Amino acid sequence: MAIYPSKQWIIEVLKAAERSEAYKEAAKDWEGDFLCRIEADEEFLRDMSRKEAVAGYLSFLDMMPPEQRRKYKGTPMGDVLEKKLGIPLDASLNDVDANEISSRMSKLSAEDIKGSAVYFWIDFWHGSIRNMIPVAPGEHGDAAFKLSGRYGSWKLLVSGQQDAVKLTMTRKLKLEGNMAYMMRRVRAAAALGKDVFAAVPID
């Protein structure tokens, strides 16, 4: 099982996409990159009160070099990380104590994390996922699509419980971009959820 979001989760999703013939076939004419925004919510707080979840989250953030993470300074998430949790934005995260951070996280309220979000970028190309990385605020603003929503809604997607089309239709996720293009690729979106994301159980 993988912690979401984490470096391990990204690695396993890329492997699952490479293995899945069903996904490759369904997404063979799908191309376009997505800038994804994960908004912190109460479920995020609950999950991050566990040491294992914090360690996974730190590994996700540490995939960005320090100069990139510094772009979070002055944002709601940057304030949470630096001021409330004591996580440095401009240094290696290897020495951060996940136990201490989970303890601090358990004392925060929904109001403390209001407006906080992290981002990742994913590049789909004709049945493959060419890239999938965490990014800083302001990066990849020219992505063909932008998908945003609360952490709890993202977990429904990445666990394979619901696909992106259903989540956007019910307004649990917000999709910006060429909607007509995406509606013609419902099979690809469904296969991404069923045959790629669901193949990587999350903890």
N, C-alpha and C. Protein backbone atom coordinates (compact mmCIF):
# COMPACT_ATOMS: atom_id res chain seq x y z
N MET A 1 0.84 -1.20 0.00
CA MET A 1 0.00 0.00 0.00
C MET A 1 0.88 1.25 0.00
N ALA A 2 0.36 2.31 -0.56
CA ALA A 2 1.13 3.55 -0.64
C ALA A 2 0.38 4.68 0.06
N ILE A 3 1.13 5.56 0.66
CA ILE A 3 0.56 6.77 1.26
C ILE A 3 0.25 7.75 0.12
N TYR A 4 -0.90 8.40 0.19
CA TYR A 4 -1.24 9.43 -0.79
C TYR A 4 -1.30 10.78 -0.09
N PRO A 5 -0.61 11.82 -0.62
CA PRO A 5 0.36 11.75 -1.71
C PRO A 5 1.74 11.44 -1.16
N SER A 6 2.56 10.74 -1.94
CA SER A 6 3.93 10.42 -1.55
C SER A 6 4.73 10.11 -2.79
N LYS A 7 6.03 10.08 -2.64
CA LYS A 7 6.91 9.69 -3.75
C LYS A 7 6.61 8.27 -4.18
N GLN A 8 6.40 7.38 -3.20
CA GLN A 8 6.11 5.99 -3.52
C GLN A 8 4.82 5.88 -4.33
N TRP A 9 3.80 6.65 -3.96
CA TRP A 9 2.53 6.60 -4.70
C TRP A 9 2.74 6.99 -6.16
N ILE A 10 3.49 8.04 -6.40
CA ILE A 10 3.74 8.47 -7.78
C ILE A 10 4.47 7.38 -8.56
N ILE A 11 5.48 6.80 -7.95
CA ILE A 11 6.24 5.72 -8.62
C ILE A 11 5.33 4.56 -8.97
N GLU A 12 4.47 4.16 -8.03
CA GLU A 12 3.60 3.01 -8.25
C GLU A 12 2.53 3.30 -9.29
N VAL A 13 2.01 4.52 -9.32
CA VAL A 13 1.02 4.88 -10.35
C VAL A 13 1.65 4.80 -11.73
N LEU A 14 2.85 5.32 -11.88
CA LEU A 14 3.53 5.26 -13.18
C LEU A 14 3.77 3.81 -13.61
N LYS A 15 4.12 2.95 -12.68
CA LYS A 15 4.30 1.53 -12.99
C LYS A 15 2.97 0.89 -13.40
N ALA A 16 1.90 1.22 -12.69
CA ALA A 16 0.59 0.65 -13.00
C ALA A 16 0.13 1.06 -14.39
N ALA A 17 0.38 2.31 -14.76
CA ALA A 17 0.00 2.78 -16.10
C ALA A 17 0.79 2.04 -17.17
N GLU A 18 2.04 1.77 -16.89
CA GLU A 18 2.89 1.05 -17.86
C GLU A 18 2.44 -0.39 -18.03
N ARG A 19 1.94 -0.99 -16.95
CA ARG A 19 1.50 -2.40 -16.99
C ARG A 19 0.14 -2.60 -17.62
N SER A 20 -0.73 -1.60 -17.53
CA SER A 20 -2.15 -1.79 -17.88
C SER A 20 -2.41 -1.69 -19.38
N GLU A 21 -2.69 -2.83 -20.00
CA GLU A 21 -3.04 -2.84 -21.42
C GLU A 21 -4.43 -2.20 -21.62
N ALA A 22 -5.32 -2.38 -20.64
CA ALA A 22 -6.66 -1.80 -20.74
C ALA A 22 -6.58 -0.28 -20.78
N TYR A 23 -5.73 0.29 -19.92
CA TYR A 23 -5.57 1.74 -19.92
C TYR A 23 -4.93 2.22 -21.22
N LYS A 24 -3.89 1.54 -21.68
CA LYS A 24 -3.21 1.94 -22.91
C LYS A 24 -4.18 1.99 -24.09
N GLU A 25 -5.05 1.00 -24.16
CA GLU A 25 -6.02 0.94 -25.26
C GLU A 25 -7.06 2.06 -25.13
N ALA A 26 -7.59 2.25 -23.93
CA ALA A 26 -8.65 3.25 -23.73
C ALA A 26 -8.12 4.67 -23.93
N ALA A 27 -6.85 4.88 -23.62
CA ALA A 27 -6.28 6.25 -23.65
C ALA A 27 -5.36 6.48 -24.85
N LYS A 28 -5.47 5.63 -25.87
CA LYS A 28 -4.51 5.71 -26.98
C LYS A 28 -4.60 7.02 -27.78
N ASP A 29 -5.77 7.71 -27.72
CA ASP A 29 -5.87 8.99 -28.43
C ASP A 29 -6.03 10.17 -27.47
N TRP A 30 -5.61 9.96 -26.21
CA TRP A 30 -5.73 11.01 -25.20
C TRP A 30 -4.37 11.66 -25.00
N GLU A 31 -4.32 12.96 -25.14
CA GLU A 31 -3.10 13.70 -24.86
C GLU A 31 -3.45 15.00 -24.15
N GLY A 32 -2.52 15.47 -23.34
CA GLY A 32 -2.74 16.72 -22.62
C GLY A 32 -2.23 16.62 -21.20
N ASP A 33 -1.76 17.75 -20.69
CA ASP A 33 -1.25 17.77 -19.33
C ASP A 33 -2.25 18.40 -18.38
N PHE A 34 -2.17 18.00 -17.12
CA PHE A 34 -3.07 18.46 -16.07
C PHE A 34 -2.26 19.08 -14.93
N LEU A 35 -2.67 20.26 -14.50
CA LEU A 35 -2.17 20.84 -13.26
C LEU A 35 -3.22 20.53 -12.19
N CYS A 36 -2.81 19.79 -11.18
CA CYS A 36 -3.74 19.30 -10.17
C CYS A 36 -3.51 20.01 -8.84
N ARG A 37 -4.59 20.49 -8.25
CA ARG A 37 -4.53 21.22 -6.98
C ARG A 37 -5.27 20.41 -5.92
N ILE A 38 -4.56 20.04 -4.86
CA ILE A 38 -5.15 19.27 -3.75
C ILE A 38 -5.34 20.22 -2.59
N GLU A 39 -6.59 20.50 -2.24
CA GLU A 39 -6.90 21.45 -1.18
C GLU A 39 -7.03 20.74 0.16
N ALA A 40 -6.29 21.20 1.15
CA ALA A 40 -6.32 20.59 2.49
C ALA A 40 -7.71 20.73 3.10
N ASP A 41 -8.16 19.69 3.76
CA ASP A 41 -9.47 19.71 4.42
C ASP A 41 -9.39 18.90 5.71
N GLU A 42 -10.54 18.64 6.32
CA GLU A 42 -10.57 17.92 7.60
C GLU A 42 -10.00 16.51 7.46
N GLU A 43 -10.26 15.87 6.32
CA GLU A 43 -9.73 14.51 6.12
C GLU A 43 -8.21 14.54 6.00
N PHE A 44 -7.68 15.59 5.39
CA PHE A 44 -6.23 15.76 5.33
C PHE A 44 -5.66 15.86 6.74
N LEU A 45 -6.30 16.65 7.58
CA LEU A 45 -5.84 16.79 8.96
C LEU A 45 -5.85 15.45 9.69
N ARG A 46 -6.93 14.68 9.51
CA ARG A 46 -7.03 13.37 10.17
C ARG A 46 -5.91 12.44 9.70
N ASP A 47 -5.71 12.38 8.38
CA ASP A 47 -4.68 11.49 7.86
C ASP A 47 -3.29 11.91 8.33
N MET A 48 -3.04 13.21 8.32
CA MET A 48 -1.71 13.70 8.66
C MET A 48 -1.43 13.71 10.16
N SER A 49 -2.35 13.21 10.94
CA SER A 49 -2.06 13.03 12.36
C SER A 49 -1.35 11.70 12.59
N ARG A 50 -1.17 10.91 11.49
CA ARG A 50 -0.43 9.65 11.56
C ARG A 50 1.00 9.85 11.07
N LYS A 51 1.95 9.29 11.78
CA LYS A 51 3.36 9.44 11.43
C LYS A 51 3.63 8.96 10.00
N GLU A 52 3.04 7.82 9.63
CA GLU A 52 3.29 7.25 8.30
C GLU A 52 2.81 8.18 7.20
N ALA A 53 1.66 8.81 7.42
CA ALA A 53 1.13 9.73 6.41
C ALA A 53 2.01 10.97 6.28
N VAL A 54 2.49 11.47 7.41
CA VAL A 54 3.39 12.63 7.38
C VAL A 54 4.68 12.28 6.63
N ALA A 55 5.25 11.10 6.91
CA ALA A 55 6.48 10.68 6.23
C ALA A 55 6.26 10.61 4.72
N GLY A 56 5.10 10.09 4.30
CA GLY A 56 4.80 10.02 2.87
C GLY A 56 4.66 11.41 2.27
N TYR A 57 3.98 12.28 2.99
CA TYR A 57 3.77 13.66 2.51
C TYR A 57 5.10 14.40 2.39
N LEU A 58 5.98 14.19 3.36
CA LEU A 58 7.30 14.82 3.29
C LEU A 58 8.10 14.31 2.09
N SER A 59 7.95 13.02 1.77
CA SER A 59 8.66 12.47 0.61
C SER A 59 8.13 13.09 -0.68
N PHE A 60 6.84 13.40 -0.70
CA PHE A 60 6.21 14.07 -1.86
C PHE A 60 6.80 15.47 -2.02
N LEU A 61 6.83 16.24 -0.92
CA LEU A 61 7.38 17.59 -0.97
C LEU A 61 8.86 17.58 -1.31
N ASP A 62 9.58 16.57 -0.82
CA ASP A 62 11.02 16.52 -1.03
C ASP A 62 11.40 16.16 -2.46
N MET A 63 10.44 15.76 -3.28
CA MET A 63 10.72 15.54 -4.69
C MET A 63 11.01 16.86 -5.40
N MET A 64 10.57 17.97 -4.80
CA MET A 64 10.88 19.29 -5.34
C MET A 64 12.19 19.78 -4.73
N PRO A 65 13.08 20.34 -5.52
CA PRO A 65 14.30 20.92 -4.94
C PRO A 65 13.94 22.12 -4.06
N PRO A 66 14.79 22.45 -3.08
CA PRO A 66 14.48 23.55 -2.15
C PRO A 66 14.12 24.86 -2.83
N GLU A 67 14.81 25.21 -3.92
CA GLU A 67 14.52 26.47 -4.59
C GLU A 67 13.11 26.48 -5.18
N GLN A 68 12.60 25.31 -5.51
CA GLN A 68 11.24 25.21 -6.02
C GLN A 68 10.24 25.30 -4.86
N ARG A 69 10.53 24.60 -3.76
CA ARG A 69 9.63 24.64 -2.59
C ARG A 69 9.50 26.04 -2.03
N ARG A 70 10.54 26.86 -2.20
CA ARG A 70 10.49 28.23 -1.67
C ARG A 70 9.34 29.03 -2.26
N LYS A 71 8.82 28.60 -3.39
CA LYS A 71 7.70 29.31 -4.01
C LYS A 71 6.41 29.19 -3.19
N TYR A 72 6.42 28.29 -2.20
CA TYR A 72 5.27 28.18 -1.30
C TYR A 72 5.30 29.28 -0.23
N LYS A 73 6.43 29.96 -0.07
CA LYS A 73 6.51 31.02 0.94
C LYS A 73 5.44 32.08 0.70
N GLY A 74 4.76 32.47 1.77
CA GLY A 74 3.72 33.49 1.66
C GLY A 74 2.37 32.97 1.24
N THR A 75 2.27 31.66 0.92
CA THR A 75 0.98 31.06 0.59
C THR A 75 0.40 30.44 1.86
N PRO A 76 -0.91 30.15 1.88
CA PRO A 76 -1.47 29.49 3.07
C PRO A 76 -0.75 28.19 3.42
N MET A 77 -0.42 27.37 2.40
CA MET A 77 0.27 26.12 2.70
C MET A 77 1.69 26.38 3.20
N GLY A 78 2.35 27.37 2.63
CA GLY A 78 3.68 27.72 3.10
C GLY A 78 3.67 28.15 4.56
N ASP A 79 2.65 28.92 4.94
CA ASP A 79 2.53 29.35 6.34
C ASP A 79 2.29 28.16 7.26
N VAL A 80 1.45 27.22 6.83
CA VAL A 80 1.21 26.02 7.64
C VAL A 80 2.50 25.24 7.82
N LEU A 81 3.20 25.01 6.71
CA LEU A 81 4.42 24.20 6.77
C LEU A 81 5.48 24.86 7.65
N GLU A 82 5.75 26.13 7.42
CA GLU A 82 6.84 26.79 8.13
C GLU A 82 6.46 27.24 9.54
N LYS A 83 5.36 27.96 9.65
CA LYS A 83 5.04 28.60 10.92
C LYS A 83 4.33 27.68 11.91
N LYS A 84 3.44 26.84 11.41
CA LYS A 84 2.66 25.99 12.32
C LYS A 84 3.32 24.63 12.55
N LEU A 85 4.02 24.11 11.52
CA LEU A 85 4.59 22.78 11.65
C LEU A 85 6.12 22.79 11.77
N GLY A 86 6.75 23.91 11.47
CA GLY A 86 8.20 23.98 11.58
C GLY A 86 8.94 23.21 10.51
N ILE A 87 8.32 23.04 9.34
CA ILE A 87 8.95 22.32 8.23
C ILE A 87 9.66 23.34 7.33
N PRO A 88 10.96 23.20 7.12
CA PRO A 88 11.69 24.17 6.30
C PRO A 88 11.32 24.03 4.82
N LEU A 89 11.15 25.14 4.16
CA LEU A 89 10.84 25.11 2.73
C LEU A 89 12.10 25.14 1.87
N ASP A 90 13.22 25.55 2.45
CA ASP A 90 14.42 25.76 1.64
C ASP A 90 15.58 24.88 2.09
N ALA A 91 15.27 23.71 2.64
CA ALA A 91 16.31 22.79 3.07
C ALA A 91 15.83 21.36 2.85
N SER A 92 16.74 20.41 2.95
CA SER A 92 16.37 19.00 2.81
C SER A 92 15.36 18.62 3.90
N LEU A 93 14.41 17.76 3.54
CA LEU A 93 13.40 17.34 4.51
C LEU A 93 13.75 16.00 5.14
N ASN A 94 14.94 15.46 4.83
CA ASN A 94 15.32 14.14 5.32
C ASN A 94 15.37 14.06 6.84
N ASP A 95 15.73 15.18 7.48
CA ASP A 95 15.91 15.15 8.93
C ASP A 95 14.68 15.62 9.71
N VAL A 96 13.58 15.90 9.01
CA VAL A 96 12.36 16.33 9.69
C VAL A 96 11.76 15.13 10.45
N ASP A 97 11.38 15.36 11.68
CA ASP A 97 10.84 14.30 12.54
C ASP A 97 9.34 14.13 12.26
N ALA A 98 8.99 13.03 11.59
CA ALA A 98 7.59 12.79 11.23
C ALA A 98 6.71 12.64 12.46
N ASN A 99 7.25 12.08 13.55
CA ASN A 99 6.48 11.94 14.79
C ASN A 99 6.10 13.31 15.34
N GLU A 100 7.06 14.22 15.37
CA GLU A 100 6.83 15.56 15.89
C GLU A 100 5.82 16.31 15.02
N ILE A 101 5.95 16.18 13.69
CA ILE A 101 5.04 16.87 12.79
C ILE A 101 3.62 16.33 12.92
N SER A 102 3.48 15.00 13.05
CA SER A 102 2.13 14.42 13.20
C SER A 102 1.49 14.90 14.49
N SER A 103 2.29 15.05 15.55
CA SER A 103 1.77 15.56 16.82
C SER A 103 1.29 17.00 16.67
N ARG A 104 2.08 17.82 15.99
CA ARG A 104 1.67 19.21 15.76
C ARG A 104 0.44 19.28 14.86
N MET A 105 0.40 18.42 13.86
CA MET A 105 -0.74 18.41 12.94
C MET A 105 -2.04 18.07 13.67
N SER A 106 -1.96 17.17 14.62
CA SER A 106 -3.16 16.75 15.35
C SER A 106 -3.77 17.88 16.18
N LYS A 107 -3.00 18.93 16.40
CA LYS A 107 -3.49 20.07 17.19
C LYS A 107 -4.08 21.18 16.32
N LEU A 108 -3.97 21.05 15.00
CA LEU A 108 -4.49 22.08 14.10
C LEU A 108 -5.98 21.88 13.84
N SER A 109 -6.64 22.97 13.48
CA SER A 109 -8.07 22.93 13.15
C SER A 109 -8.24 23.20 11.66
N ALA A 110 -9.46 23.00 11.18
CA ALA A 110 -9.76 23.28 9.78
C ALA A 110 -9.48 24.74 9.45
N GLU A 111 -9.72 25.62 10.40
CA GLU A 111 -9.47 27.04 10.18
C GLU A 111 -7.97 27.31 10.00
N ASP A 112 -7.13 26.55 10.71
CA ASP A 112 -5.68 26.73 10.61
C ASP A 112 -5.15 26.43 9.22
N ILE A 113 -5.82 25.52 8.48
CA ILE A 113 -5.30 25.11 7.18
C ILE A 113 -6.14 25.67 6.03
N LYS A 114 -7.05 26.57 6.33
CA LYS A 114 -7.94 27.12 5.31
C LYS A 114 -7.14 27.74 4.16
N GLY A 115 -7.49 27.37 2.94
CA GLY A 115 -6.83 27.91 1.76
C GLY A 115 -5.54 27.20 1.37
N SER A 116 -5.11 26.23 2.18
CA SER A 116 -3.86 25.53 1.90
C SER A 116 -4.05 24.51 0.78
N ALA A 117 -3.05 24.39 -0.06
CA ALA A 117 -3.12 23.43 -1.17
C ALA A 117 -1.72 23.07 -1.63
N VAL A 118 -1.58 21.86 -2.15
CA VAL A 118 -0.36 21.45 -2.83
C VAL A 118 -0.73 21.07 -4.26
N TYR A 119 0.28 20.98 -5.11
CA TYR A 119 0.05 20.79 -6.54
C TYR A 119 0.89 19.65 -7.08
N PHE A 120 0.34 18.95 -8.08
CA PHE A 120 1.18 18.07 -8.87
C PHE A 120 0.77 18.18 -10.34
N TRP A 121 1.69 17.81 -11.20
CA TRP A 121 1.50 17.95 -12.64
C TRP A 121 1.63 16.58 -13.28
N ILE A 122 0.70 16.26 -14.18
CA ILE A 122 0.69 14.95 -14.83
C ILE A 122 0.49 15.13 -16.33
N ASP A 123 1.28 14.44 -17.10
CA ASP A 123 1.30 14.60 -18.56
C ASP A 123 0.89 13.30 -19.23
N PHE A 124 -0.31 13.29 -19.81
CA PHE A 124 -0.84 12.11 -20.50
C PHE A 124 -0.47 12.17 -21.98
N TRP A 125 -0.05 11.01 -22.53
CA TRP A 125 0.33 10.99 -23.93
C TRP A 125 0.04 9.63 -24.56
N HIS A 126 -1.11 9.54 -25.22
CA HIS A 126 -1.46 8.37 -26.04
C HIS A 126 -1.22 7.04 -25.33
N GLY A 127 -1.88 6.88 -24.19
CA GLY A 127 -1.82 5.61 -23.47
C GLY A 127 -0.69 5.49 -22.48
N SER A 128 0.12 6.53 -22.35
CA SER A 128 1.18 6.51 -21.35
C SER A 128 1.08 7.76 -20.47
N ILE A 129 1.74 7.70 -19.34
CA ILE A 129 1.88 8.88 -18.50
C ILE A 129 3.35 9.28 -18.60
N ARG A 130 3.62 10.37 -19.31
CA ARG A 130 5.01 10.74 -19.58
C ARG A 130 5.71 11.33 -18.37
N ASN A 131 4.91 11.96 -17.49
CA ASN A 131 5.52 12.57 -16.31
C ASN A 131 4.46 12.79 -15.25
N MET A 132 4.89 12.78 -14.00
CA MET A 132 3.98 13.01 -12.87
C MET A 132 4.84 13.46 -11.70
N ILE A 133 4.75 14.73 -11.36
CA ILE A 133 5.65 15.31 -10.35
C ILE A 133 4.91 16.34 -9.50
N PRO A 134 5.33 16.50 -8.23
CA PRO A 134 4.81 17.63 -7.45
C PRO A 134 5.42 18.92 -7.98
N VAL A 135 4.64 20.00 -7.96
CA VAL A 135 5.13 21.29 -8.44
C VAL A 135 4.74 22.38 -7.45
N ALA A 136 5.37 23.53 -7.59
CA ALA A 136 5.13 24.66 -6.69
C ALA A 136 4.03 25.56 -7.26
N PRO A 137 3.44 26.41 -6.43
CA PRO A 137 2.43 27.36 -6.91
C PRO A 137 2.99 28.21 -8.05
N GLY A 138 2.17 28.40 -9.08
CA GLY A 138 2.57 29.23 -10.21
C GLY A 138 3.24 28.47 -11.33
N GLU A 139 3.60 27.22 -11.10
CA GLU A 139 4.23 26.44 -12.15
C GLU A 139 3.19 25.71 -13.00
N HIS A 140 3.50 25.51 -14.26
CA HIS A 140 2.64 24.83 -15.21
C HIS A 140 1.25 25.48 -15.32
N GLY A 141 1.24 26.79 -15.21
CA GLY A 141 -0.03 27.50 -15.35
C GLY A 141 -0.60 27.42 -16.75
N ASP A 142 0.23 26.99 -17.72
CA ASP A 142 -0.24 26.86 -19.09
C ASP A 142 -0.71 25.44 -19.42
N ALA A 143 -0.91 24.62 -18.39
CA ALA A 143 -1.37 23.24 -18.62
C ALA A 143 -2.70 23.25 -19.38
N ALA A 144 -2.89 22.24 -20.21
CA ALA A 144 -4.12 22.15 -21.01
C ALA A 144 -5.36 22.05 -20.13
N PHE A 145 -5.20 21.39 -18.99
CA PHE A 145 -6.33 21.20 -18.07
C PHE A 145 -5.89 21.52 -16.65
N LYS A 146 -6.84 21.97 -15.86
CA LYS A 146 -6.60 22.20 -14.44
C LYS A 146 -7.69 21.48 -13.66
N LEU A 147 -7.27 20.64 -12.71
CA LEU A 147 -8.22 19.85 -11.92
C LEU A 147 -7.97 20.17 -10.45
N SER A 148 -9.00 20.61 -9.76
CA SER A 148 -8.83 21.02 -8.36
C SER A 148 -9.97 20.50 -7.51
N GLY A 149 -9.67 20.32 -6.23
CA GLY A 149 -10.70 19.88 -5.30
C GLY A 149 -10.11 19.55 -3.95
N ARG A 150 -10.99 19.25 -3.02
CA ARG A 150 -10.57 18.93 -1.67
C ARG A 150 -9.85 17.58 -1.62
N TYR A 151 -8.96 17.47 -0.66
CA TYR A 151 -8.19 16.24 -0.46
C TYR A 151 -9.09 15.00 -0.40
N GLY A 152 -10.20 15.11 0.31
CA GLY A 152 -11.12 13.98 0.43
C GLY A 152 -11.68 13.54 -0.91
N SER A 153 -11.96 14.50 -1.79
CA SER A 153 -12.45 14.16 -3.13
C SER A 153 -11.35 13.51 -3.97
N TRP A 154 -10.14 14.02 -3.83
CA TRP A 154 -9.00 13.41 -4.54
C TRP A 154 -8.81 11.97 -4.10
N LYS A 155 -9.01 11.67 -2.82
CA LYS A 155 -8.84 10.30 -2.36
C LYS A 155 -9.86 9.37 -3.00
N LEU A 156 -11.08 9.88 -3.27
CA LEU A 156 -12.06 9.07 -3.98
C LEU A 156 -11.56 8.71 -5.37
N LEU A 157 -10.88 9.68 -6.01
CA LEU A 157 -10.35 9.45 -7.35
C LEU A 157 -9.17 8.49 -7.33
N VAL A 158 -8.16 8.78 -6.50
CA VAL A 158 -6.94 7.98 -6.55
C VAL A 158 -7.11 6.60 -5.93
N SER A 159 -8.17 6.38 -5.17
CA SER A 159 -8.45 5.04 -4.66
C SER A 159 -9.22 4.21 -5.68
N GLY A 160 -9.69 4.85 -6.76
CA GLY A 160 -10.47 4.14 -7.77
C GLY A 160 -11.93 4.01 -7.43
N GLN A 161 -12.37 4.64 -6.32
CA GLN A 161 -13.79 4.54 -5.93
C GLN A 161 -14.70 5.29 -6.89
N GLN A 162 -14.22 6.43 -7.41
CA GLN A 162 -14.99 7.21 -8.38
C GLN A 162 -14.03 7.73 -9.45
N ASP A 163 -14.52 7.85 -10.69
CA ASP A 163 -13.65 8.37 -11.73
C ASP A 163 -13.81 9.88 -11.83
N ALA A 164 -12.89 10.50 -12.59
CA ALA A 164 -12.84 11.96 -12.68
C ALA A 164 -14.11 12.54 -13.28
N VAL A 165 -14.71 11.84 -14.23
CA VAL A 165 -15.92 12.36 -14.87
C VAL A 165 -17.05 12.50 -13.84
N LYS A 166 -17.26 11.45 -13.05
CA LYS A 166 -18.33 11.49 -12.04
C LYS A 166 -18.04 12.57 -11.00
N LEU A 167 -16.78 12.67 -10.58
CA LEU A 167 -16.43 13.66 -9.57
C LEU A 167 -16.60 15.09 -10.08
N THR A 168 -16.32 15.32 -11.36
CA THR A 168 -16.52 16.66 -11.89
C THR A 168 -18.00 16.95 -12.13
N MET A 169 -18.74 15.94 -12.55
CA MET A 169 -20.18 16.14 -12.78
C MET A 169 -20.91 16.44 -11.47
N THR A 170 -20.43 15.88 -10.37
CA THR A 170 -21.05 16.12 -9.06
C THR A 170 -20.39 17.30 -8.33
N ARG A 171 -19.47 17.97 -9.03
CA ARG A 171 -18.78 19.16 -8.53
C ARG A 171 -17.91 18.91 -7.30
N LYS A 172 -17.49 17.67 -7.14
CA LYS A 172 -16.53 17.38 -6.08
C LYS A 172 -15.12 17.75 -6.52
N LEU A 173 -14.90 17.72 -7.83
CA LEU A 173 -13.68 18.22 -8.43
C LEU A 173 -14.06 19.23 -9.50
N LYS A 174 -13.22 20.24 -9.69
CA LYS A 174 -13.47 21.25 -10.71
C LYS A 174 -12.46 21.09 -11.83
N LEU A 175 -12.97 20.94 -13.06
CA LEU A 175 -12.11 20.77 -14.22
C LEU A 175 -12.21 22.00 -15.11
N GLU A 176 -11.05 22.56 -15.45
CA GLU A 176 -10.98 23.67 -16.39
C GLU A 176 -10.22 23.20 -17.63
N GLY A 177 -10.73 23.55 -18.81
CA GLY A 177 -10.09 23.15 -20.05
C GLY A 177 -11.13 22.80 -21.08
N ASN A 178 -10.73 22.10 -22.10
CA ASN A 178 -11.62 21.72 -23.19
C ASN A 178 -12.53 20.58 -22.76
N MET A 179 -13.72 20.92 -22.29
CA MET A 179 -14.64 19.91 -21.77
C MET A 179 -15.12 18.97 -22.86
N ALA A 180 -15.33 19.48 -24.05
CA ALA A 180 -15.78 18.62 -25.15
C ALA A 180 -14.74 17.54 -25.44
N TYR A 181 -13.49 17.93 -25.41
CA TYR A 181 -12.40 16.97 -25.63
C TYR A 181 -12.44 15.87 -24.57
N MET A 182 -12.59 16.27 -23.31
CA MET A 182 -12.60 15.29 -22.23
C MET A 182 -13.83 14.39 -22.28
N MET A 183 -14.98 14.94 -22.65
CA MET A 183 -16.19 14.12 -22.69
C MET A 183 -16.11 13.06 -23.77
N ARG A 184 -15.27 13.29 -24.79
CA ARG A 184 -15.08 12.27 -25.82
C ARG A 184 -14.09 11.19 -25.35
N ARG A 185 -13.53 11.40 -24.19
CA ARG A 185 -12.54 10.45 -23.67
C ARG A 185 -12.94 9.92 -22.29
N VAL A 186 -14.23 9.68 -22.14
CA VAL A 186 -14.75 9.15 -20.88
C VAL A 186 -14.14 7.78 -20.58
N ARG A 187 -13.97 6.96 -21.62
CA ARG A 187 -13.38 5.62 -21.42
C ARG A 187 -11.96 5.72 -20.87
N ALA A 188 -11.21 6.68 -21.37
CA ALA A 188 -9.84 6.85 -20.89
C ALA A 188 -9.83 7.27 -19.43
N ALA A 189 -10.70 8.21 -19.07
CA ALA A 189 -10.76 8.66 -17.68
C ALA A 189 -11.20 7.53 -16.76
N ALA A 190 -12.15 6.72 -17.22
CA ALA A 190 -12.61 5.59 -16.41
C ALA A 190 -11.51 4.56 -16.23
N ALA A 191 -10.75 4.30 -17.31
CA ALA A 191 -9.66 3.33 -17.22
C ALA A 191 -8.55 3.83 -16.31
N LEU A 192 -8.32 5.13 -16.31
CA LEU A 192 -7.31 5.70 -15.42
C LEU A 192 -7.66 5.39 -13.97
N GLY A 193 -8.94 5.56 -13.62
CA GLY A 193 -9.37 5.27 -12.26
C GLY A 193 -9.37 3.79 -11.94
N LYS A 194 -9.96 3.01 -12.83
CA LYS A 194 -10.17 1.57 -12.57
C LYS A 194 -8.90 0.74 -12.72
N ASP A 195 -8.11 1.03 -13.76
CA ASP A 195 -7.00 0.16 -14.10
C ASP A 195 -5.63 0.70 -13.71
N VAL A 196 -5.56 1.98 -13.34
CA VAL A 196 -4.29 2.56 -12.92
C VAL A 196 -4.34 2.94 -11.44
N PHE A 197 -5.17 3.92 -11.10
CA PHE A 197 -5.22 4.36 -9.70
C PHE A 197 -5.62 3.23 -8.75
N ALA A 198 -6.67 2.49 -9.12
CA ALA A 198 -7.16 1.43 -8.22
C ALA A 198 -6.14 0.30 -8.07
N ALA A 199 -5.19 0.21 -9.00
CA ALA A 199 -4.16 -0.82 -8.92
C ALA A 199 -3.10 -0.50 -7.86
N VAL A 200 -3.18 0.73 -7.32
CA VAL A 200 -2.24 1.16 -6.28
C VAL A 200 -3.02 1.45 -5.00
N PRO A 201 -3.27 0.45 -4.16
CA PRO A 201 -4.03 0.71 -2.94
C PRO A 201 -3.36 1.77 -2.08
N ILE A 202 -4.18 2.66 -1.55
CA ILE A 202 -3.61 3.72 -0.70
C ILE A 202 -3.98 3.48 0.76
N ASP A 203 -3.09 3.93 1.62
CA ASP A 203 -3.27 3.74 3.07
C ASP A 203 -3.79 5.04 3.67
